Amino acid sequence: MTQASENPTLQATAEELSEVITELEQYRERLLNDTIETAKRAKLMKAAVMAQLEPELAHIDATLAQLRQQQANLTA
């Protein structure tokens, strides 16, 4: 009986994780595209911009990996 009552919570958590993953993926893409577009307008070198952006992208990617692992654990 306890397990059955936990399933709706797990289901909601899996759904929430899915939403957060989707939003974070969209944020990552928007951040990358907006930064590159702004750099073009400011006539900055893409390599220099990417060097500054890379730590933030790495942090987002690491967070996405953790969220995907949590999601896989819930759905397994």
PDB file of N, CA and C in Angstrom:
ATOM      1  N   MET A   1       0.818  -1.194   0.000  1.00  0.00           N
ATOM      2  CA  MET A   1       0.000   0.000   0.000  1.00  0.00           C
ATOM      3  C   MET A   1       0.865   1.262   0.000  1.00  0.00           C
ATOM      4  N   THR A   2       1.953   1.242   0.720  1.00  0.00           N
ATOM      5  CA  THR A   2       2.851   2.391   0.736  1.00  0.00           C
ATOM      6  C   THR A   2       3.432   2.630  -0.648  1.00  0.00           C
ATOM      7  N   GLN A   3       3.803   1.552  -1.326  1.00  0.00           N
ATOM      8  CA  GLN A   3       4.397   1.685  -2.649  1.00  0.00           C
ATOM      9  C   GLN A   3       3.406   2.304  -3.633  1.00  0.00           C
ATOM     10  N   ALA A   4       2.157   1.903  -3.584  1.00  0.00           N
ATOM     11  CA  ALA A   4       1.145   2.460  -4.480  1.00  0.00           C
ATOM     12  C   ALA A   4       0.950   3.953  -4.227  1.00  0.00           C
ATOM     13  N   SER A   5       0.993   4.353  -2.968  1.00  0.00           N
ATOM     14  CA  SER A   5       0.810   5.769  -2.676  1.00  0.00           C
ATOM     15  C   SER A   5       2.035   6.589  -3.069  1.00  0.00           C
ATOM     16  N   GLU A   6       3.193   5.951  -3.187  1.00  0.00           N
ATOM     17  CA  GLU A   6       4.398   6.655  -3.610  1.00  0.00           C
ATOM     18  C   GLU A   6       4.434   6.848  -5.121  1.00  0.00           C
ATOM     19  N   ASN A   7       3.802   6.002  -5.881  1.00  0.00           N
ATOM     20  CA  ASN A   7       3.849   6.086  -7.334  1.00  0.00           C
ATOM     21  C   ASN A   7       3.358   7.414  -7.895  1.00  0.00           C
ATOM     22  N   PRO A   8       2.251   7.978  -7.422  1.00  0.00           N
ATOM     23  CA  PRO A   8       1.858   9.288  -7.947  1.00  0.00           C
ATOM     24  C   PRO A   8       2.923  10.350  -7.690  1.00  0.00           C
ATOM     25  N   THR A   9       3.569  10.283  -6.542  1.00  0.00           N
ATOM     26  CA  THR A   9       4.642  11.224  -6.235  1.00  0.00           C
ATOM     27  C   THR A   9       5.803  11.025  -7.193  1.00  0.00           C
ATOM     28  N   LEU A  10       6.171   9.774  -7.430  1.00  0.00           N
ATOM     29  CA  LEU A  10       7.253   9.487  -8.360  1.00  0.00           C
ATOM     30  C   LEU A  10       6.870   9.909  -9.774  1.00  0.00           C
ATOM     31  N   GLN A  11       5.636   9.672 -10.154  1.00  0.00           N
ATOM     32  CA  GLN A  11       5.157  10.071 -11.476  1.00  0.00           C
ATOM     33  C   GLN A  11       5.265  11.586 -11.643  1.00  0.00           C
ATOM     34  N   ALA A  12       4.805  12.318 -10.650  1.00  0.00           N
ATOM     35  CA  ALA A  12       4.876  13.777 -10.708  1.00  0.00           C
ATOM     36  C   ALA A  12       6.323  14.235 -10.749  1.00  0.00           C
ATOM     37  N   THR A  13       7.168  13.587  -9.976  1.00  0.00           N
ATOM     38  CA  THR A  13       8.577  13.953  -9.969  1.00  0.00           C
ATOM     39  C   THR A  13       9.203  13.698 -11.331  1.00  0.00           C
ATOM     40  N   ALA A  14       8.869  12.584 -11.959  1.00  0.00           N
ATOM     41  CA  ALA A  14       9.392  12.276 -13.290  1.00  0.00           C
ATOM     42  C   ALA A  14       8.909  13.311 -14.302  1.00  0.00           C
ATOM     43  N   GLU A  15       7.652  13.709 -14.185  1.00  0.00           N
ATOM     44  CA  GLU A  15       7.111  14.734 -15.082  1.00  0.00           C
ATOM     45  C   GLU A  15       7.796  16.075 -14.846  1.00  0.00           C
ATOM     46  N   GLU A  16       8.008  16.414 -13.588  1.00  0.00           N
ATOM     47  CA  GLU A  16       8.690  17.669 -13.266  1.00  0.00           C
ATOM     48  C   GLU A  16      10.114  17.655 -13.797  1.00  0.00           C
ATOM     49  N   LEU A  17      10.795  16.540 -13.640  1.00  0.00           N
ATOM     50  CA  LEU A  17      12.153  16.428 -14.167  1.00  0.00           C
ATOM     51  C   LEU A  17      12.159  16.618 -15.673  1.00  0.00           C
ATOM     52  N   SER A  18      11.207  16.024 -16.344  1.00  0.00           N
ATOM     53  CA  SER A  18      11.112  16.156 -17.794  1.00  0.00           C
ATOM     54  C   SER A  18      10.925  17.615 -18.198  1.00  0.00           C
ATOM     55  N   GLU A  19      10.067  18.326 -17.488  1.00  0.00           N
ATOM     56  CA  GLU A  19       9.835  19.746 -17.768  1.00  0.00           C
ATOM     57  C   GLU A  19      11.090  20.574 -17.518  1.00  0.00           C
ATOM     58  N   VAL A  20      11.761  20.302 -16.412  1.00  0.00           N
ATOM     59  CA  VAL A  20      12.976  21.052 -16.073  1.00  0.00           C
ATOM     60  C   VAL A  20      14.065  20.789 -17.109  1.00  0.00           C
ATOM     61  N   ILE A  21      14.204  19.540 -17.527  1.00  0.00           N
ATOM     62  CA  ILE A  21      15.203  19.192 -18.540  1.00  0.00           C
ATOM     63  C   ILE A  21      14.918  19.944 -19.835  1.00  0.00           C
ATOM     64  N   THR A  22      13.667  19.941 -20.262  1.00  0.00           N
ATOM     65  CA  THR A  22      13.290  20.638 -21.493  1.00  0.00           C
ATOM     66  C   THR A  22      13.572  22.131 -21.384  1.00  0.00           C
ATOM     67  N   GLU A  23      13.204  22.730 -20.270  1.00  0.00           N
ATOM     68  CA  GLU A  23      13.433  24.165 -20.080  1.00  0.00           C
ATOM     69  C   GLU A  23      14.922  24.497 -20.039  1.00  0.00           C
ATOM     70  N   LEU A  24      15.704  23.655 -19.399  1.00  0.00           N
ATOM     71  CA  LEU A  24      17.145  23.900 -19.311  1.00  0.00           C
ATOM     72  C   LEU A  24      17.812  23.731 -20.676  1.00  0.00           C
ATOM     73  N   GLU A  25      17.352  22.764 -21.463  1.00  0.00           N
ATOM     74  CA  GLU A  25      17.877  22.595 -22.824  1.00  0.00           C
ATOM     75  C   GLU A  25      17.564  23.819 -23.676  1.00  0.00           C
ATOM     76  N   GLN A  26      16.342  24.328 -23.542  1.00  0.00           N
ATOM     77  CA  GLN A  26      15.957  25.529 -24.284  1.00  0.00           C
ATOM     78  C   GLN A  26      16.773  26.733 -23.834  1.00  0.00           C
ATOM     79  N   TYR A  27      16.998  26.855 -22.538  1.00  0.00           N
ATOM     80  CA  TYR A  27      17.806  27.959 -22.009  1.00  0.00           C
ATOM     81  C   TYR A  27      19.229  27.896 -22.556  1.00  0.00           C
ATOM     82  N   ARG A  28      19.810  26.683 -22.573  1.00  0.00           N
ATOM     83  CA  ARG A  28      21.176  26.510 -23.066  1.00  0.00           C
ATOM     84  C   ARG A  28      21.282  26.952 -24.525  1.00  0.00           C
ATOM     85  N   GLU A  29      20.332  26.512 -25.328  1.00  0.00           N
ATOM     86  CA  GLU A  29      20.351  26.869 -26.745  1.00  0.00           C
ATOM     87  C   GLU A  29      20.157  28.369 -26.942  1.00  0.00           C
ATOM     88  N   ARG A  30      19.223  28.949 -26.198  1.00  0.00           N
ATOM     89  CA  ARG A  30      18.968  30.385 -26.295  1.00  0.00           C
ATOM     90  C   ARG A  30      20.192  31.189 -25.847  1.00  0.00           C
ATOM     91  N   LEU A  31      20.824  30.772 -24.763  1.00  0.00           N
ATOM     92  CA  LEU A  31      22.028  31.442 -24.270  1.00  0.00           C
ATOM     93  C   LEU A  31      23.123  31.418 -25.327  1.00  0.00           C
ATOM     94  N   LEU A  32      23.338  30.258 -25.912  1.00  0.00           N
ATOM     95  CA  LEU A  32      24.375  30.112 -26.932  1.00  0.00           C
ATOM     96  C   LEU A  32      24.061  30.977 -28.151  1.00  0.00           C
ATOM     97  N   ASN A  33      22.854  30.863 -28.673  1.00  0.00           N
ATOM     98  CA  ASN A  33      22.477  31.619 -29.873  1.00  0.00           C
ATOM     99  C   ASN A  33      22.494  33.122 -29.636  1.00  0.00           C
ATOM    100  N   ASP A  34      21.941  33.566 -28.523  1.00  0.00           N
ATOM    101  CA  ASP A  34      21.909  34.998 -28.225  1.00  0.00           C
ATOM    102  C   ASP A  34      23.311  35.562 -28.028  1.00  0.00           C
ATOM    103  N   THR A  35      24.156  34.803 -27.357  1.00  0.00           N
ATOM    104  CA  THR A  35      25.522  35.269 -27.112  1.00  0.00           C
ATOM    105  C   THR A  35      26.301  35.376 -28.415  1.00  0.00           C
ATOM    106  N   ILE A  36      26.165  34.381 -29.274  1.00  0.00           N
ATOM    107  CA  ILE A  36      26.873  34.411 -30.558  1.00  0.00           C
ATOM    108  C   ILE A  36      26.349  35.557 -31.423  1.00  0.00           C
ATOM    109  N   GLU A  37      25.046  35.750 -31.436  1.00  0.00           N
ATOM    110  CA  GLU A  37      24.454  36.835 -32.227  1.00  0.00           C
ATOM    111  C   GLU A  37      24.918  38.199 -31.714  1.00  0.00           C
ATOM    112  N   THR A  38      24.948  38.370 -30.412  1.00  0.00           N
ATOM    113  CA  THR A  38      25.414  39.627 -29.827  1.00  0.00           C
ATOM    114  C   THR A  38      26.891  39.849 -30.137  1.00  0.00           C
ATOM    115  N   ALA A  39      27.672  38.790 -30.077  1.00  0.00           N
ATOM    116  CA  ALA A  39      29.101  38.892 -30.382  1.00  0.00           C
ATOM    117  C   ALA A  39      29.319  39.304 -31.834  1.00  0.00           C
ATOM    118  N   LYS A  40      28.497  38.788 -32.734  1.00  0.00           N
ATOM    119  CA  LYS A  40      28.607  39.169 -34.148  1.00  0.00           C
ATOM    120  C   LYS A  40      28.329  40.658 -34.320  1.00  0.00           C
ATOM    121  N   ARG A  41      27.273  41.135 -33.656  1.00  0.00           N
ATOM    122  CA  ARG A  41      26.922  42.551 -33.767  1.00  0.00           C
ATOM    123  C   ARG A  41      28.005  43.444 -33.172  1.00  0.00           C
ATOM    124  N   ALA A  42      28.654  42.958 -32.128  1.00  0.00           N
ATOM    125  CA  ALA A  42      29.718  43.734 -31.483  1.00  0.00           C
ATOM    126  C   ALA A  42      31.068  43.500 -32.153  1.00  0.00           C
ATOM    127  N   LYS A  43      31.064  42.652 -33.180  1.00  0.00           N
ATOM    128  CA  LYS A  43      32.272  42.320 -33.942  1.00  0.00           C
ATOM    129  C   LYS A  43      33.362  41.737 -33.047  1.00  0.00           C
ATOM    130  N   LEU A  44      32.935  40.850 -32.154  1.00  0.00           N
ATOM    131  CA  LEU A  44      33.880  40.137 -31.296  1.00  0.00           C
ATOM    132  C   LEU A  44      34.227  38.805 -31.951  1.00  0.00           C
ATOM    133  N   MET A  45      35.405  38.313 -31.636  1.00  0.00           N
ATOM    134  CA  MET A  45      35.819  37.024 -32.185  1.00  0.00           C
ATOM    135  C   MET A  45      35.031  35.909 -31.503  1.00  0.00           C
ATOM    136  N   LYS A  46      34.519  34.991 -32.321  1.00  0.00           N
ATOM    137  CA  LYS A  46      33.713  33.897 -31.789  1.00  0.00           C
ATOM    138  C   LYS A  46      34.512  33.060 -30.790  1.00  0.00           C
ATOM    139  N   ALA A  47      35.786  32.835 -31.062  1.00  0.00           N
ATOM    140  CA  ALA A  47      36.619  32.022 -30.167  1.00  0.00           C
ATOM    141  C   ALA A  47      36.713  32.654 -28.777  1.00  0.00           C
ATOM    142  N   ALA A  48      36.847  33.962 -28.726  1.00  0.00           N
ATOM    143  CA  ALA A  48      36.943  34.651 -27.438  1.00  0.00           C
ATOM    144  C   ALA A  48      35.621  34.565 -26.682  1.00  0.00           C
ATOM    145  N   VAL A  49      34.534  34.714 -27.399  1.00  0.00           N
ATOM    146  CA  VAL A  49      33.213  34.639 -26.774  1.00  0.00           C
ATOM    147  C   VAL A  49      32.966  33.227 -26.253  1.00  0.00           C
ATOM    148  N   MET A  50      33.287  32.228 -27.061  1.00  0.00           N
ATOM    149  CA  MET A  50      33.082  30.833 -26.663  1.00  0.00           C
ATOM    150  C   MET A  50      33.951  30.472 -25.462  1.00  0.00           C
ATOM    151  N   ALA A  51      35.143  31.029 -25.389  1.00  0.00           N
ATOM    152  CA  ALA A  51      36.021  30.752 -24.251  1.00  0.00           C
ATOM    153  C   ALA A  51      35.380  31.236 -22.947  1.00  0.00           C
ATOM    154  N   GLN A  52      34.694  32.365 -23.007  1.00  0.00           N
ATOM    155  CA  GLN A  52      34.023  32.872 -21.814  1.00  0.00           C
ATOM    156  C   GLN A  52      32.715  32.143 -21.542  1.00  0.00           C
ATOM    157  N   LEU A  53      32.069  31.683 -22.590  1.00  0.00           N
ATOM    158  CA  LEU A  53      30.777  31.018 -22.451  1.00  0.00           C
ATOM    159  C   LEU A  53      30.921  29.552 -22.055  1.00  0.00           C
ATOM    160  N   GLU A  54      32.035  28.951 -22.393  1.00  0.00           N
ATOM    161  CA  GLU A  54      32.232  27.513 -22.183  1.00  0.00           C
ATOM    162  C   GLU A  54      32.021  27.050 -20.740  1.00  0.00           C
ATOM    163  N   PRO A  55      32.520  27.755 -19.722  1.00  0.00           N
ATOM    164  CA  PRO A  55      32.265  27.290 -18.342  1.00  0.00           C
ATOM    165  C   PRO A  55      30.777  27.233 -17.997  1.00  0.00           C
ATOM    166  N   GLU A  56      30.022  28.204 -18.462  1.00  0.00           N
ATOM    167  CA  GLU A  56      28.579  28.208 -18.203  1.00  0.00           C
ATOM    168  C   GLU A  56      27.902  27.047 -18.929  1.00  0.00           C
ATOM    169  N   LEU A  57      28.300  26.805 -20.171  1.00  0.00           N
ATOM    170  CA  LEU A  57      27.735  25.680 -20.927  1.00  0.00           C
ATOM    171  C   LEU A  57      28.091  24.352 -20.267  1.00  0.00           C
ATOM    172  N   ALA A  58      29.307  24.240 -19.770  1.00  0.00           N
ATOM    173  CA  ALA A  58      29.727  23.009 -19.092  1.00  0.00           C
ATOM    174  C   ALA A  58      28.898  22.781 -17.828  1.00  0.00           C
ATOM    175  N   HIS A  59      28.625  23.849 -17.107  1.00  0.00           N
ATOM    176  CA  HIS A  59      27.799  23.749 -15.895  1.00  0.00           C
ATOM    177  C   HIS A  59      26.374  23.303 -16.251  1.00  0.00           C
ATOM    178  N   ILE A  60      25.822  23.884 -17.289  1.00  0.00           N
ATOM    179  CA  ILE A  60      24.478  23.500 -17.737  1.00  0.00           C
ATOM    180  C   ILE A  60      24.471  22.042 -18.179  1.00  0.00           C
ATOM    181  N   ASP A  61      25.490  21.632 -18.941  1.00  0.00           N
ATOM    182  CA  ASP A  61      25.566  20.244 -19.413  1.00  0.00           C
ATOM    183  C   ASP A  61      25.681  19.262 -18.252  1.00  0.00           C
ATOM    184  N   ALA A  62      26.450  19.616 -17.238  1.00  0.00           N
ATOM    185  CA  ALA A  62      26.593  18.748 -16.067  1.00  0.00           C
ATOM    186  C   ALA A  62      25.263  18.631 -15.319  1.00  0.00           C
ATOM    187  N   THR A  63      24.564  19.742 -15.198  1.00  0.00           N
ATOM    188  CA  THR A  63      23.258  19.730 -14.540  1.00  0.00           C
ATOM    189  C   THR A  63      22.265  18.891 -15.332  1.00  0.00           C
ATOM    190  N   LEU A  64      22.288  19.034 -16.653  1.00  0.00           N
ATOM    191  CA  LEU A  64      21.408  18.223 -17.501  1.00  0.00           C
ATOM    192  C   LEU A  64      21.707  16.737 -17.345  1.00  0.00           C
ATOM    193  N   ALA A  65      22.976  16.388 -17.275  1.00  0.00           N
ATOM    194  CA  ALA A  65      23.358  14.981 -17.109  1.00  0.00           C
ATOM    195  C   ALA A  65      22.826  14.430 -15.786  1.00  0.00           C
ATOM    196  N   GLN A  66      22.930  15.221 -14.727  1.00  0.00           N
ATOM    197  CA  GLN A  66      22.415  14.791 -13.423  1.00  0.00           C
ATOM    198  C   GLN A  66      20.901  14.613 -13.456  1.00  0.00           C
ATOM    199  N   LEU A  67      20.213  15.555 -14.078  1.00  0.00           N
ATOM    200  CA  LEU A  67      18.756  15.473 -14.164  1.00  0.00           C
ATOM    201  C   LEU A  67      18.319  14.268 -14.990  1.00  0.00           C
ATOM    202  N   ARG A  68      19.027  14.020 -16.081  1.00  0.00           N
ATOM    203  CA  ARG A  68      18.688  12.856 -16.918  1.00  0.00           C
ATOM    204  C   ARG A  68      18.927  11.554 -16.164  1.00  0.00           C
ATOM    205  N   GLN A  69      19.980  11.519 -15.352  1.00  0.00           N
ATOM    206  CA  GLN A  69      20.247  10.323 -14.552  1.00  0.00           C
ATOM    207  C   GLN A  69      19.141  10.113 -13.521  1.00  0.00           C
ATOM    208  N   GLN A  70      18.723  11.185 -12.869  1.00  0.00           N
ATOM    209  CA  GLN A  70      17.618  11.089 -11.907  1.00  0.00           C
ATOM    210  C   GLN A  70      16.347  10.606 -12.598  1.00  0.00           C
ATOM    211  N   GLN A  71      16.097  11.131 -13.791  1.00  0.00           N
ATOM    212  CA  GLN A  71      14.916  10.731 -14.545  1.00  0.00           C
ATOM    213  C   GLN A  71      14.997   9.250 -14.920  1.00  0.00           C
ATOM    214  N   ALA A  72      16.168   8.793 -15.336  1.00  0.00           N
ATOM    215  CA  ALA A  72      16.350   7.384 -15.690  1.00  0.00           C
ATOM    216  C   ALA A  72      16.141   6.491 -14.470  1.00  0.00           C
ATOM    217  N   ASN A  73      16.616   6.933 -13.325  1.00  0.00           N
ATOM    218  CA  ASN A  73      16.442   6.158 -12.091  1.00  0.00           C
ATOM    219  C   ASN A  73      14.970   6.048 -11.703  1.00  0.00           C
ATOM    220  N   LEU A  74      14.216   7.104 -11.935  1.00  0.00           N
ATOM    221  CA  LEU A  74      12.795   7.092 -11.589  1.00  0.00           C
ATOM    222  C   LEU A  74      11.977   6.216 -12.531  1.00  0.00           C
ATOM    223  N   THR A  75      12.359   6.196 -13.787  1.00  0.00           N
ATOM    224  CA  THR A  75      11.579   5.444 -14.771  1.00  0.00           C
ATOM    225  C   THR A  75      12.034   4.003 -14.900  1.00  0.00           C
ATOM    226  N   ALA A  76      13.139   3.653 -14.255  1.00  0.00           N
ATOM    227  CA  ALA A  76      13.653   2.275 -14.338  1.00  0.00           C
ATOM    228  C   ALA A  76      12.899   1.342 -13.418  1.00  0.00           C
TER     229      ALA A  76
END
